[in-house]
Amino acid sequence: MIDTRFKRNGTETSSFGTSGRINHDSSKFYDSKLYAGKKPPENVQFIEKPIPFENLDRIFCKSSEVMEEIPDYSINLMVTSPPYNVKKEYDEDLSLEEYRKLLKTVFKETFNKLVTGGRACINVANLGRKPYIPLHSYIIEDMLDIGFYMRGEIIWNKASSASPSTAWGSWLSAANPVLRDIHEYILVFSKESFSRKRGDKKNTITKEDFMEWTKSVWTFPAVSAKSIGHPAPFPEELPHRLIQLYTFEDDVVLDPFVGSGTTCLAAIKDGRHFIGYDISNEYVDLANKRVRQYISQKSQKTLFENNQYPSPKVSSNKAKLHSL
């Protein structure tokens, strides 16, 4: 008897540059010359080492160019927004070459500290107009040179909160109109593997957030420098989304340019540990103050809800907030 049942053919990813995706077998694309030498090795040894307890949930007042407080292969996620080198945060007026060298040194050290499959997320805005400095493209180049694999990039659409410059260039004229940025980039990389070993760790992201945050454009407002006390803050929503998307509960999040401590604050709220670095005593104090305030408020709320007297431990994840 002849089998008349329909036999489904294997599907393939459409050719590079074509408009439609007709199938889901991408093996031919990733095996093409375009991807030669760019894929992680198939047999990767997953390494994850513990961090000394006394160094968890701390902000160190020192340069992150050397992070000897952290063992290699121990950080799960880096989230940072490097200083923009416009005398907002640092007194040094670095050339572009010097600035790239500084960032590359820090990110190379970060690479060493990440676990196998650990992620690095960098929020960056491009600079100037005459000429325009595509800082994000330089960072991508340097990260790939370090050995990171790029996972993609997210466009942070700041929308109406961006307060774009009124430097229009030539007003209503094609002579020299100037583009006004209302977006920044979030560059996402992995170390040695795109995957991570979950083990018995718990995911905390919801289905709805996962569906929304895996899109490559995020829209939420910026925050004012005045409200935070730092000249270039990013909103808590930014590290919160990255932490939920790329880490498990109790993972460790690093910010090598901690600034006002927003990454640390988001980490502790999301049930993760943090480690931060900054060369400014003022910003380290600010970051510690913000985290302490949250811990205190959370403790008071818990006591009120449970009608209990204060406990010596004010943090569920035993945060120890002090700087060297």
C-alpha atoms as a PDB file:
ATOM      1  CA  MET A   1       0.000   0.000   0.000  1.00  0.00           C
ATOM      2  CA  ILE A   2       1.320   3.407  -0.937  1.00  0.00           C
ATOM      3  CA  ASP A   3       1.770   5.842   1.929  1.00  0.00           C
ATOM      4  CA  THR A   4      -0.080   8.963   0.827  1.00  0.00           C
ATOM      5  CA  ARG A   5       0.634  10.976   3.974  1.00  0.00           C
ATOM      6  CA  PHE A   6       2.252  14.332   3.372  1.00  0.00           C
ATOM      7  CA  LYS A   7       5.959  14.308   4.139  1.00  0.00           C
ATOM      8  CA  ARG A   8       7.254  17.602   5.449  1.00  0.00           C
ATOM      9  CA  ASN A   9      10.598  18.621   3.989  1.00  0.00           C
ATOM     10  CA  GLY A  10      13.264  20.062   6.219  1.00  0.00           C
ATOM     11  CA  THR A  11      13.222  23.826   6.243  1.00  0.00           C
ATOM     12  CA  GLU A  12      16.180  26.109   5.764  1.00  0.00           C
ATOM     13  CA  THR A  13      17.011  29.668   6.556  1.00  0.00           C
ATOM     14  CA  SER A  14      16.574  31.865   3.509  1.00  0.00           C
ATOM     15  CA  SER A  15      19.651  33.078   1.707  1.00  0.00           C
ATOM     16  CA  PHE A  16      21.556  35.976   3.195  1.00  0.00           C
ATOM     17  CA  GLY A  17      20.060  39.259   2.064  1.00  0.00           C
ATOM     18  CA  THR A  18      16.649  37.931   1.034  1.00  0.00           C
ATOM     19  CA  SER A  19      13.518  39.371   2.543  1.00  0.00           C
ATOM     20  CA  GLY A  20      11.605  36.313   3.721  1.00  0.00           C
ATOM     21  CA  ARG A  21      12.362  33.638   6.260  1.00  0.00           C
ATOM     22  CA  ILE A  22      10.874  30.499   4.791  1.00  0.00           C
ATOM     23  CA  ASN A  23      12.125  28.022   7.356  1.00  0.00           C
ATOM     24  CA  HIS A  24      14.056  27.482  10.571  1.00  0.00           C
ATOM     25  CA  ASP A  25      17.094  25.340   9.758  1.00  0.00           C
ATOM     26  CA  SER A  26      19.935  27.837  10.046  1.00  0.00           C
ATOM     27  CA  SER A  27      22.803  25.341   9.848  1.00  0.00           C
ATOM     28  CA  LYS A  28      23.760  26.206   6.264  1.00  0.00           C
ATOM     29  CA  PHE A  29      23.942  29.894   7.108  1.00  0.00           C
ATOM     30  CA  TYR A  30      26.142  29.384  10.188  1.00  0.00           C
ATOM     31  CA  ASP A  31      28.332  26.914   8.297  1.00  0.00           C
ATOM     32  CA  SER A  32      28.917  29.403   5.490  1.00  0.00           C
ATOM     33  CA  LYS A  33      32.145  31.311   4.880  1.00  0.00           C
ATOM     34  CA  LEU A  34      30.540  34.388   6.425  1.00  0.00           C
ATOM     35  CA  TYR A  35      30.727  32.705   9.832  1.00  0.00           C
ATOM     36  CA  ALA A  36      34.097  31.015   9.370  1.00  0.00           C
ATOM     37  CA  GLY A  37      36.103  31.269  12.582  1.00  0.00           C
ATOM     38  CA  LYS A  38      33.369  33.196  14.390  1.00  0.00           C
ATOM     39  CA  LYS A  39      31.538  30.386  16.179  1.00  0.00           C
ATOM     40  CA  PRO A  40      32.366  29.160  19.698  1.00  0.00           C
ATOM     41  CA  PRO A  41      33.946  25.703  19.905  1.00  0.00           C
ATOM     42  CA  GLU A  42      31.440  22.879  20.285  1.00  0.00           C
ATOM     43  CA  ASN A  43      33.087  21.280  23.309  1.00  0.00           C
ATOM     44  CA  VAL A  44      33.297  24.006  25.937  1.00  0.00           C
ATOM     45  CA  GLN A  45      34.209  23.365  29.545  1.00  0.00           C
ATOM     46  CA  PHE A  46      31.819  25.319  31.741  1.00  0.00           C
ATOM     47  CA  ILE A  47      33.643  26.868  34.687  1.00  0.00           C
ATOM     48  CA  GLU A  48      32.076  28.818  37.555  1.00  0.00           C
ATOM     49  CA  LYS A  49      34.069  29.566  40.699  1.00  0.00           C
ATOM     50  CA  PRO A  50      32.805  30.970  44.009  1.00  0.00           C
ATOM     51  CA  ILE A  51      33.582  34.488  45.195  1.00  0.00           C
ATOM     52  CA  PRO A  52      34.765  34.975  48.797  1.00  0.00           C
ATOM     53  CA  PHE A  53      31.715  35.934  50.850  1.00  0.00           C
ATOM     54  CA  GLU A  54      33.435  39.014  52.258  1.00  0.00           C
ATOM     55  CA  ASN A  55      33.779  40.445  48.727  1.00  0.00           C
ATOM     56  CA  LEU A  56      30.139  39.964  47.727  1.00  0.00           C
ATOM     57  CA  ASP A  57      27.768  42.945  47.763  1.00  0.00           C
ATOM     58  CA  ARG A  58      30.603  45.425  48.009  1.00  0.00           C
ATOM     59  CA  ILE A  59      31.635  48.543  46.143  1.00  0.00           C
ATOM     60  CA  PHE A  60      35.381  49.056  45.907  1.00  0.00           C
ATOM     61  CA  CYS A  61      36.776  52.571  45.629  1.00  0.00           C
ATOM     62  CA  LYS A  62      39.528  51.871  43.123  1.00  0.00           C
ATOM     63  CA  SER A  63      40.116  51.404  39.413  1.00  0.00           C
ATOM     64  CA  SER A  64      38.536  48.347  37.811  1.00  0.00           C
ATOM     65  CA  GLU A  65      41.544  47.940  35.526  1.00  0.00           C
ATOM     66  CA  VAL A  66      42.702  45.345  38.060  1.00  0.00           C
ATOM     67  CA  MET A  67      40.018  43.459  40.028  1.00  0.00           C
ATOM     68  CA  GLU A  68      42.034  41.112  42.210  1.00  0.00           C
ATOM     69  CA  GLU A  69      39.142  40.893  44.700  1.00  0.00           C
ATOM     70  CA  ILE A  70      37.258  38.730  42.188  1.00  0.00           C
ATOM     71  CA  PRO A  71      38.414  35.235  41.141  1.00  0.00           C
ATOM     72  CA  ASP A  72      38.533  34.423  37.445  1.00  0.00           C
ATOM     73  CA  TYR A  73      35.430  32.628  36.148  1.00  0.00           C
ATOM     74  CA  SER A  74      33.136  33.902  38.923  1.00  0.00           C
ATOM     75  CA  ILE A  75      31.002  36.787  37.571  1.00  0.00           C
ATOM     76  CA  ASN A  76      27.753  35.925  35.784  1.00  0.00           C
ATOM     77  CA  LEU A  77      26.894  39.302  34.257  1.00  0.00           C
ATOM     78  CA  MET A  78      28.501  42.687  33.742  1.00  0.00           C
ATOM     79  CA  VAL A  79      26.221  45.690  33.283  1.00  0.00           C
ATOM     80  CA  THR A  80      27.823  49.092  32.943  1.00  0.00           C
ATOM     81  CA  SER A  81      27.721  52.485  31.313  1.00  0.00           C
ATOM     82  CA  PRO A  82      31.315  53.672  30.928  1.00  0.00           C
ATOM     83  CA  PRO A  83      32.160  57.327  31.574  1.00  0.00           C
ATOM     84  CA  TYR A  84      31.711  59.394  28.450  1.00  0.00           C
ATOM     85  CA  ASN A  85      35.036  61.211  28.791  1.00  0.00           C
ATOM     86  CA  VAL A  86      33.433  64.643  28.660  1.00  0.00           C
ATOM     87  CA  LYS A  87      34.681  65.849  32.054  1.00  0.00           C
ATOM     88  CA  LYS A  88      31.395  64.890  33.681  1.00  0.00           C
ATOM     89  CA  GLU A  89      32.903  62.178  35.856  1.00  0.00           C
ATOM     90  CA  TYR A  90      36.656  62.189  35.350  1.00  0.00           C
ATOM     91  CA  ASP A  91      39.076  65.075  35.379  1.00  0.00           C
ATOM     92  CA  GLU A  92      41.255  63.589  32.680  1.00  0.00           C
ATOM     93  CA  ASP A  93      40.702  64.790  29.129  1.00  0.00           C
ATOM     94  CA  LEU A  94      41.621  61.625  27.230  1.00  0.00           C
ATOM     95  CA  SER A  95      42.131  61.281  23.517  1.00  0.00           C
ATOM     96  CA  LEU A  96      39.902  58.763  21.745  1.00  0.00           C
ATOM     97  CA  GLU A  97      42.841  56.352  21.563  1.00  0.00           C
ATOM     98  CA  GLU A  98      43.552  56.732  25.303  1.00  0.00           C
ATOM     99  CA  TYR A  99      39.865  56.374  26.139  1.00  0.00           C
ATOM    100  CA  ARG A 100      39.548  53.180  24.106  1.00  0.00           C
ATOM    101  CA  LYS A 101      42.666  51.809  25.785  1.00  0.00           C
ATOM    102  CA  LEU A 102      41.164  52.447  29.232  1.00  0.00           C
ATOM    103  CA  LEU A 103      37.875  50.752  28.370  1.00  0.00           C
ATOM    104  CA  LYS A 104      39.602  47.841  26.676  1.00  0.00           C
ATOM    105  CA  THR A 105      41.778  47.239  29.736  1.00  0.00           C
ATOM    106  CA  VAL A 106      38.710  47.148  31.993  1.00  0.00           C
ATOM    107  CA  PHE A 107      36.719  44.932  29.636  1.00  0.00           C
ATOM    108  CA  LYS A 108      39.635  42.538  29.193  1.00  0.00           C
ATOM    109  CA  GLU A 109      39.803  42.194  32.970  1.00  0.00           C
ATOM    110  CA  THR A 110      36.026  41.681  32.979  1.00  0.00           C
ATOM    111  CA  PHE A 111      36.428  38.911  30.399  1.00  0.00           C
ATOM    112  CA  ASN A 112      38.770  37.101  32.783  1.00  0.00           C
ATOM    113  CA  LYS A 113      36.276  37.388  35.641  1.00  0.00           C
ATOM    114  CA  LEU A 114      33.194  36.159  33.762  1.00  0.00           C
ATOM    115  CA  VAL A 115      32.072  32.539  34.011  1.00  0.00           C
ATOM    116  CA  THR A 116      31.871  30.412  30.881  1.00  0.00           C
ATOM    117  CA  GLY A 117      28.880  31.794  29.023  1.00  0.00           C
ATOM    118  CA  GLY A 118      28.874  34.927  31.188  1.00  0.00           C
ATOM    119  CA  ARG A 119      27.404  38.040  29.615  1.00  0.00           C
ATOM    120  CA  ALA A 120      28.675  41.607  29.285  1.00  0.00           C
ATOM    121  CA  CYS A 121      26.204  44.432  28.599  1.00  0.00           C
ATOM    122  CA  ILE A 122      27.464  47.934  27.828  1.00  0.00           C
ATOM    123  CA  ASN A 123      25.215  50.993  27.639  1.00  0.00           C
ATOM    124  CA  VAL A 124      26.820  53.616  25.428  1.00  0.00           C
ATOM    125  CA  ALA A 125      25.855  56.800  23.625  1.00  0.00           C
ATOM    126  CA  ASN A 126      27.727  58.111  20.624  1.00  0.00           C
ATOM    127  CA  LEU A 127      29.361  61.513  20.798  1.00  0.00           C
ATOM    128  CA  GLY A 128      29.437  64.813  18.957  1.00  0.00           C
ATOM    129  CA  ARG A 129      28.333  65.844  15.497  1.00  0.00           C
ATOM    130  CA  LYS A 130      31.271  67.577  13.773  1.00  0.00           C
ATOM    131  CA  PRO A 131      32.322  64.860  13.309  1.00  0.00           C
ATOM    132  CA  TYR A 132      30.112  62.196  14.857  1.00  0.00           C
ATOM    133  CA  ILE A 133      32.103  59.688  16.943  1.00  0.00           C
ATOM    134  CA  PRO A 134      30.533  56.191  16.676  1.00  0.00           C
ATOM    135  CA  LEU A 135      31.763  55.099  20.082  1.00  0.00           C
ATOM    136  CA  HIS A 136      29.587  51.994  20.087  1.00  0.00           C
ATOM    137  CA  SER A 137      31.301  50.684  16.956  1.00  0.00           C
ATOM    138  CA  TYR A 138      34.756  51.164  18.500  1.00  0.00           C
ATOM    139  CA  ILE A 139      33.661  49.292  21.622  1.00  0.00           C
ATOM    140  CA  ILE A 140      32.292  46.439  19.502  1.00  0.00           C
ATOM    141  CA  GLU A 141      35.610  46.218  17.650  1.00  0.00           C
ATOM    142  CA  ASP A 142      37.582  46.143  20.899  1.00  0.00           C
ATOM    143  CA  MET A 143      35.289  43.601  22.571  1.00  0.00           C
ATOM    144  CA  LEU A 144      35.612  41.229  19.625  1.00  0.00           C
ATOM    145  CA  ASP A 145      39.378  41.682  19.713  1.00  0.00           C
ATOM    146  CA  ILE A 146      39.383  40.714  23.410  1.00  0.00           C
ATOM    147  CA  GLY A 147      37.625  37.481  22.516  1.00  0.00           C
ATOM    148  CA  PHE A 148      33.971  38.158  23.290  1.00  0.00           C
ATOM    149  CA  TYR A 149      31.203  36.827  21.067  1.00  0.00           C
ATOM    150  CA  MET A 150      28.555  39.409  20.252  1.00  0.00           C
ATOM    151  CA  ARG A 151      24.976  38.421  21.029  1.00  0.00           C
ATOM    152  CA  GLY A 152      23.376  41.529  19.550  1.00  0.00           C
ATOM    153  CA  GLU A 153      22.535  45.116  20.330  1.00  0.00           C
ATOM    154  CA  ILE A 154      19.517  46.792  21.880  1.00  0.00           C
ATOM    155  CA  ILE A 155      18.365  50.263  20.927  1.00  0.00           C
ATOM    156  CA  TRP A 156      17.221  52.151  24.002  1.00  0.00           C
ATOM    157  CA  ASN A 157      14.616  54.594  22.722  1.00  0.00           C
ATOM    158  CA  LYS A 158      14.421  57.366  25.298  1.00  0.00           C
ATOM    159  CA  ALA A 159      11.497  58.942  23.417  1.00  0.00           C
ATOM    160  CA  SER A 160      10.248  62.297  24.739  1.00  0.00           C
ATOM    161  CA  SER A 161      12.372  62.042  27.904  1.00  0.00           C
ATOM    162  CA  ALA A 162      15.550  62.423  25.852  1.00  0.00           C
ATOM    163  CA  SER A 163      15.166  66.212  25.612  1.00  0.00           C
ATOM    164  CA  PRO A 164      17.003  66.302  22.289  1.00  0.00           C
ATOM    165  CA  SER A 165      19.291  69.183  21.529  1.00  0.00           C
ATOM    166  CA  THR A 166      17.847  72.148  19.669  1.00  0.00           C
ATOM    167  CA  ALA A 167      21.052  72.400  17.638  1.00  0.00           C
ATOM    168  CA  TRP A 168      19.199  71.830  14.382  1.00  0.00           C
ATOM    169  CA  GLY A 169      22.108  72.807  12.179  1.00  0.00           C
ATOM    170  CA  SER A 170      20.577  74.528   9.172  1.00  0.00           C
ATOM    171  CA  TRP A 171      16.938  75.121  10.164  1.00  0.00           C
ATOM    172  CA  LEU A 172      14.479  73.910   7.525  1.00  0.00           C
ATOM    173  CA  SER A 173      17.304  73.705   5.020  1.00  0.00           C
ATOM    174  CA  ALA A 174      19.247  70.933   3.322  1.00  0.00           C
ATOM    175  CA  ALA A 175      22.431  72.983   3.736  1.00  0.00           C
ATOM    176  CA  ASN A 176      23.464  71.202   6.963  1.00  0.00           C
ATOM    177  CA  PRO A 177      20.637  69.624   9.010  1.00  0.00           C
ATOM    178  CA  VAL A 178      21.838  67.905  12.186  1.00  0.00           C
ATOM    179  CA  LEU A 179      20.474  64.618  13.536  1.00  0.00           C
ATOM    180  CA  ARG A 180      19.422  64.751  17.193  1.00  0.00           C
ATOM    181  CA  ASP A 181      19.850  61.506  19.110  1.00  0.00           C
ATOM    182  CA  ILE A 182      16.975  60.197  21.207  1.00  0.00           C
ATOM    183  CA  HIS A 183      18.514  56.756  21.585  1.00  0.00           C
ATOM    184  CA  GLU A 184      21.471  54.950  23.116  1.00  0.00           C
ATOM    185  CA  TYR A 185      22.910  51.481  22.559  1.00  0.00           C
ATOM    186  CA  ILE A 186      23.088  48.445  24.810  1.00  0.00           C
ATOM    187  CA  LEU A 187      25.743  46.099  23.418  1.00  0.00           C
ATOM    188  CA  VAL A 188      25.492  42.472  24.531  1.00  0.00           C
ATOM    189  CA  PHE A 189      28.359  39.954  24.510  1.00  0.00           C
ATOM    190  CA  SER A 190      29.161  36.455  25.810  1.00  0.00           C
ATOM    191  CA  LYS A 191      32.368  34.786  26.950  1.00  0.00           C
ATOM    192  CA  GLU A 192      33.398  31.484  25.299  1.00  0.00           C
ATOM    193  CA  SER A 193      29.821  30.212  24.877  1.00  0.00           C
ATOM    194  CA  PHE A 194      26.396  31.654  24.145  1.00  0.00           C
ATOM    195  CA  SER A 195      24.815  29.262  26.653  1.00  0.00           C
ATOM    196  CA  ARG A 196      25.111  28.940  30.409  1.00  0.00           C
ATOM    197  CA  LYS A 197      24.660  25.971  32.680  1.00  0.00           C
ATOM    198  CA  ARG A 198      21.569  26.508  34.823  1.00  0.00           C
ATOM    199  CA  GLY A 199      22.036  23.734  37.356  1.00  0.00           C
ATOM    200  CA  ASP A 200      19.519  24.181  40.153  1.00  0.00           C
ATOM    201  CA  LYS A 201      19.358  27.964  39.777  1.00  0.00           C
ATOM    202  CA  LYS A 202      15.987  29.659  39.431  1.00  0.00           C
ATOM    203  CA  ASN A 203      14.746  31.875  36.597  1.00  0.00           C
ATOM    204  CA  THR A 204      12.758  34.898  37.764  1.00  0.00           C
ATOM    205  CA  ILE A 205      11.652  36.529  34.505  1.00  0.00           C
ATOM    206  CA  THR A 206       7.972  36.342  33.582  1.00  0.00           C
ATOM    207  CA  LYS A 207       6.686  35.088  30.245  1.00  0.00           C
ATOM    208  CA  GLU A 208       5.335  38.537  29.362  1.00  0.00           C
ATOM    209  CA  ASP A 209       8.617  40.287  30.133  1.00  0.00           C
ATOM    210  CA  PHE A 210      10.632  37.656  28.267  1.00  0.00           C
ATOM    211  CA  MET A 211       8.502  38.122  25.153  1.00  0.00           C
ATOM    212  CA  GLU A 212       8.857  41.895  25.326  1.00  0.00           C
ATOM    213  CA  TRP A 213      12.484  42.229  26.414  1.00  0.00           C
ATOM    214  CA  THR A 214      13.894  39.878  23.797  1.00  0.00           C
ATOM    215  CA  LYS A 215      12.922  42.517  21.232  1.00  0.00           C
ATOM    216  CA  SER A 216      15.819  44.675  20.056  1.00  0.00           C
ATOM    217  CA  VAL A 217      14.180  48.056  20.785  1.00  0.00           C
ATOM    218  CA  TRP A 218      13.382  49.087  24.364  1.00  0.00           C
ATOM    219  CA  THR A 219      11.374  52.206  25.100  1.00  0.00           C
ATOM    220  CA  PHE A 220      11.440  53.739  28.563  1.00  0.00           C
ATOM    221  CA  PRO A 221      12.319  57.202  29.872  1.00  0.00           C
ATOM    222  CA  ALA A 222      15.689  58.478  30.992  1.00  0.00           C
ATOM    223  CA  VAL A 223      16.224  59.883  34.483  1.00  0.00           C
ATOM    224  CA  SER A 224      17.471  63.326  35.385  1.00  0.00           C
ATOM    225  CA  ALA A 225      20.921  63.907  36.812  1.00  0.00           C
ATOM    226  CA  LYS A 226      19.398  66.074  39.537  1.00  0.00           C
ATOM    227  CA  SER A 227      17.109  63.319  40.811  1.00  0.00           C
ATOM    228  CA  ILE A 228      20.007  60.890  41.301  1.00  0.00           C
ATOM    229  CA  GLY A 229      22.912  63.192  42.147  1.00  0.00           C
ATOM    230  CA  HIS A 230      25.116  61.955  39.317  1.00  0.00           C
ATOM    231  CA  PRO A 231      25.827  63.721  35.993  1.00  0.00           C
ATOM    232  CA  ALA A 232      25.143  60.715  33.739  1.00  0.00           C
ATOM    233  CA  PRO A 233      22.764  58.236  35.402  1.00  0.00           C
ATOM    234  CA  PHE A 234      20.843  55.513  33.618  1.00  0.00           C
ATOM    235  CA  PRO A 235      17.380  54.425  34.780  1.00  0.00           C
ATOM    236  CA  GLU A 236      17.001  51.395  37.023  1.00  0.00           C
ATOM    237  CA  GLU A 237      14.818  49.799  34.354  1.00  0.00           C
ATOM    238  CA  LEU A 238      17.887  49.251  32.155  1.00  0.00           C
ATOM    239  CA  PRO A 239      19.930  46.983  34.464  1.00  0.00           C
ATOM    240  CA  HIS A 240      16.721  45.411  35.800  1.00  0.00           C
ATOM    241  CA  ARG A 241      15.781  44.107  32.362  1.00  0.00           C
ATOM    242  CA  LEU A 242      19.294  42.849  31.643  1.00  0.00           C
ATOM    243  CA  ILE A 243      19.543  41.136  35.027  1.00  0.00           C
ATOM    244  CA  GLN A 244      16.196  39.405  34.577  1.00  0.00           C
ATOM    245  CA  LEU A 245      16.997  38.374  31.011  1.00  0.00           C
ATOM    246  CA  TYR A 246      20.586  37.174  31.425  1.00  0.00           C
ATOM    247  CA  THR A 247      20.950  35.873  35.009  1.00  0.00           C
ATOM    248  CA  PHE A 248      19.492  33.394  37.454  1.00  0.00           C
ATOM    249  CA  GLU A 249      18.552  34.118  41.045  1.00  0.00           C
ATOM    250  CA  ASP A 250      21.592  34.578  43.350  1.00  0.00           C
ATOM    251  CA  ASP A 251      23.945  35.193  40.402  1.00  0.00           C
ATOM    252  CA  VAL A 252      26.614  37.888  40.731  1.00  0.00           C
ATOM    253  CA  VAL A 253      26.414  41.137  38.746  1.00  0.00           C
ATOM    254  CA  LEU A 254      29.457  43.366  38.187  1.00  0.00           C
ATOM    255  CA  ASP A 255      29.549  47.068  37.366  1.00  0.00           C
ATOM    256  CA  PRO A 256      33.150  48.239  36.808  1.00  0.00           C
ATOM    257  CA  PHE A 257      32.037  51.899  36.465  1.00  0.00           C
ATOM    258  CA  VAL A 258      29.482  51.920  39.255  1.00  0.00           C
ATOM    259  CA  GLY A 259      28.718  55.645  39.358  1.00  0.00           C
ATOM    260  CA  SER A 260      25.543  56.218  41.377  1.00  0.00           C
ATOM    261  CA  GLY A 261      25.089  52.491  42.015  1.00  0.00           C
ATOM    262  CA  THR A 262      21.995  51.884  39.895  1.00  0.00           C
ATOM    263  CA  THR A 263      23.225  48.458  38.752  1.00  0.00           C
ATOM    264  CA  CYS A 264      23.879  47.421  42.365  1.00  0.00           C
ATOM    265  CA  LEU A 265      20.451  48.634  43.421  1.00  0.00           C
ATOM    266  CA  ALA A 266      18.738  46.733  40.613  1.00  0.00           C
ATOM    267  CA  ALA A 267      20.725  43.594  41.434  1.00  0.00           C
ATOM    268  CA  ILE A 268      19.761  43.516  45.091  1.00  0.00           C
ATOM    269  CA  LYS A 269      16.110  44.206  44.259  1.00  0.00           C
ATOM    270  CA  ASP A 270      16.156  41.316  41.790  1.00  0.00           C
ATOM    271  CA  GLY A 271      17.638  38.850  44.276  1.00  0.00           C
ATOM    272  CA  ARG A 272      21.176  38.890  42.886  1.00  0.00           C
ATOM    273  CA  HIS A 273      24.533  39.753  44.410  1.00  0.00           C
ATOM    274  CA  PHE A 274      26.610  42.671  43.167  1.00  0.00           C
ATOM    275  CA  ILE A 275      30.176  43.931  43.037  1.00  0.00           C
ATOM    276  CA  GLY A 276      31.016  47.470  41.952  1.00  0.00           C
ATOM    277  CA  TYR A 277      34.068  49.621  41.305  1.00  0.00           C
ATOM    278  CA  ASP A 278      34.565  53.359  40.990  1.00  0.00           C
ATOM    279  CA  ILE A 279      37.526  55.683  41.441  1.00  0.00           C
ATOM    280  CA  SER A 280      35.392  58.432  43.004  1.00  0.00           C
ATOM    281  CA  ASN A 281      34.859  58.434  46.768  1.00  0.00           C
ATOM    282  CA  GLU A 282      31.848  60.666  46.217  1.00  0.00           C
ATOM    283  CA  TYR A 283      30.130  58.195  43.894  1.00  0.00           C
ATOM    284  CA  VAL A 284      31.002  55.179  46.040  1.00  0.00           C
ATOM    285  CA  ASP A 285      29.398  56.941  49.013  1.00  0.00           C
ATOM    286  CA  LEU A 286      26.343  57.806  46.904  1.00  0.00           C
ATOM    287  CA  ALA A 287      25.987  54.242  45.636  1.00  0.00           C
ATOM    288  CA  ASN A 288      26.297  52.762  49.130  1.00  0.00           C
ATOM    289  CA  LYS A 289      23.780  55.276  50.456  1.00  0.00           C
ATOM    290  CA  ARG A 290      21.201  54.361  47.812  1.00  0.00           C
ATOM    291  CA  VAL A 291      21.543  50.628  48.480  1.00  0.00           C
ATOM    292  CA  ARG A 292      21.413  51.128  52.268  1.00  0.00           C
ATOM    293  CA  GLN A 293      18.272  53.210  51.942  1.00  0.00           C
ATOM    294  CA  TYR A 294      16.581  50.463  49.949  1.00  0.00           C
ATOM    295  CA  ILE A 295      17.600  47.778  52.464  1.00  0.00           C
ATOM    296  CA  SER A 296      16.332  49.924  55.333  1.00  0.00           C
ATOM    297  CA  GLN A 297      13.010  50.627  53.615  1.00  0.00           C
ATOM    298  CA  LYS A 298      12.550  46.965  52.732  1.00  0.00           C
ATOM    299  CA  SER A 299      13.335  45.928  56.294  1.00  0.00           C
ATOM    300  CA  GLN A 300      10.869  48.428  57.737  1.00  0.00           C
ATOM    301  CA  LYS A 301       8.177  47.309  55.301  1.00  0.00           C
ATOM    302  CA  THR A 302       8.713  43.657  56.210  1.00  0.00           C
ATOM    303  CA  LEU A 303       8.578  44.457  59.930  1.00  0.00           C
ATOM    304  CA  PHE A 304       5.376  46.438  59.466  1.00  0.00           C
ATOM    305  CA  GLU A 305       3.738  43.660  57.468  1.00  0.00           C
ATOM    306  CA  ASN A 306       4.784  40.960  59.947  1.00  0.00           C
ATOM    307  CA  ASN A 307       4.405  43.150  63.054  1.00  0.00           C
ATOM    308  CA  GLN A 308       7.851  42.132  64.259  1.00  0.00           C
ATOM    309  CA  TYR A 309      10.692  43.847  66.100  1.00  0.00           C
ATOM    310  CA  PRO A 310      13.890  44.741  64.209  1.00  0.00           C
ATOM    311  CA  SER A 311      16.362  41.983  63.435  1.00  0.00           C
ATOM    312  CA  PRO A 312      20.154  42.450  63.430  1.00  0.00           C
ATOM    313  CA  LYS A 313      20.207  41.416  59.746  1.00  0.00           C
ATOM    314  CA  VAL A 314      18.586  44.002  57.529  1.00  0.00           C
ATOM    315  CA  SER A 315      19.069  42.346  54.160  1.00  0.00           C
ATOM    316  CA  SER A 316      17.763  39.073  52.835  1.00  0.00           C
ATOM    317  CA  ASN A 317      20.960  38.520  50.862  1.00  0.00           C
ATOM    318  CA  LYS A 318      23.246  39.774  53.643  1.00  0.00           C
ATOM    319  CA  ALA A 319      24.609  42.755  51.760  1.00  0.00           C
ATOM    320  CA  LYS A 320      27.766  44.185  53.280  1.00  0.00           C
ATOM    321  CA  LEU A 321      28.099  47.722  52.041  1.00  0.00           C
ATOM    322  CA  HIS A 322      31.411  49.388  52.534  1.00  0.00           C
ATOM    323  CA  SER A 323      34.282  50.535  50.385  1.00  0.00           C
ATOM    324  CA  LEU A 324      37.971  49.857  50.637  1.00  0.00           C
END
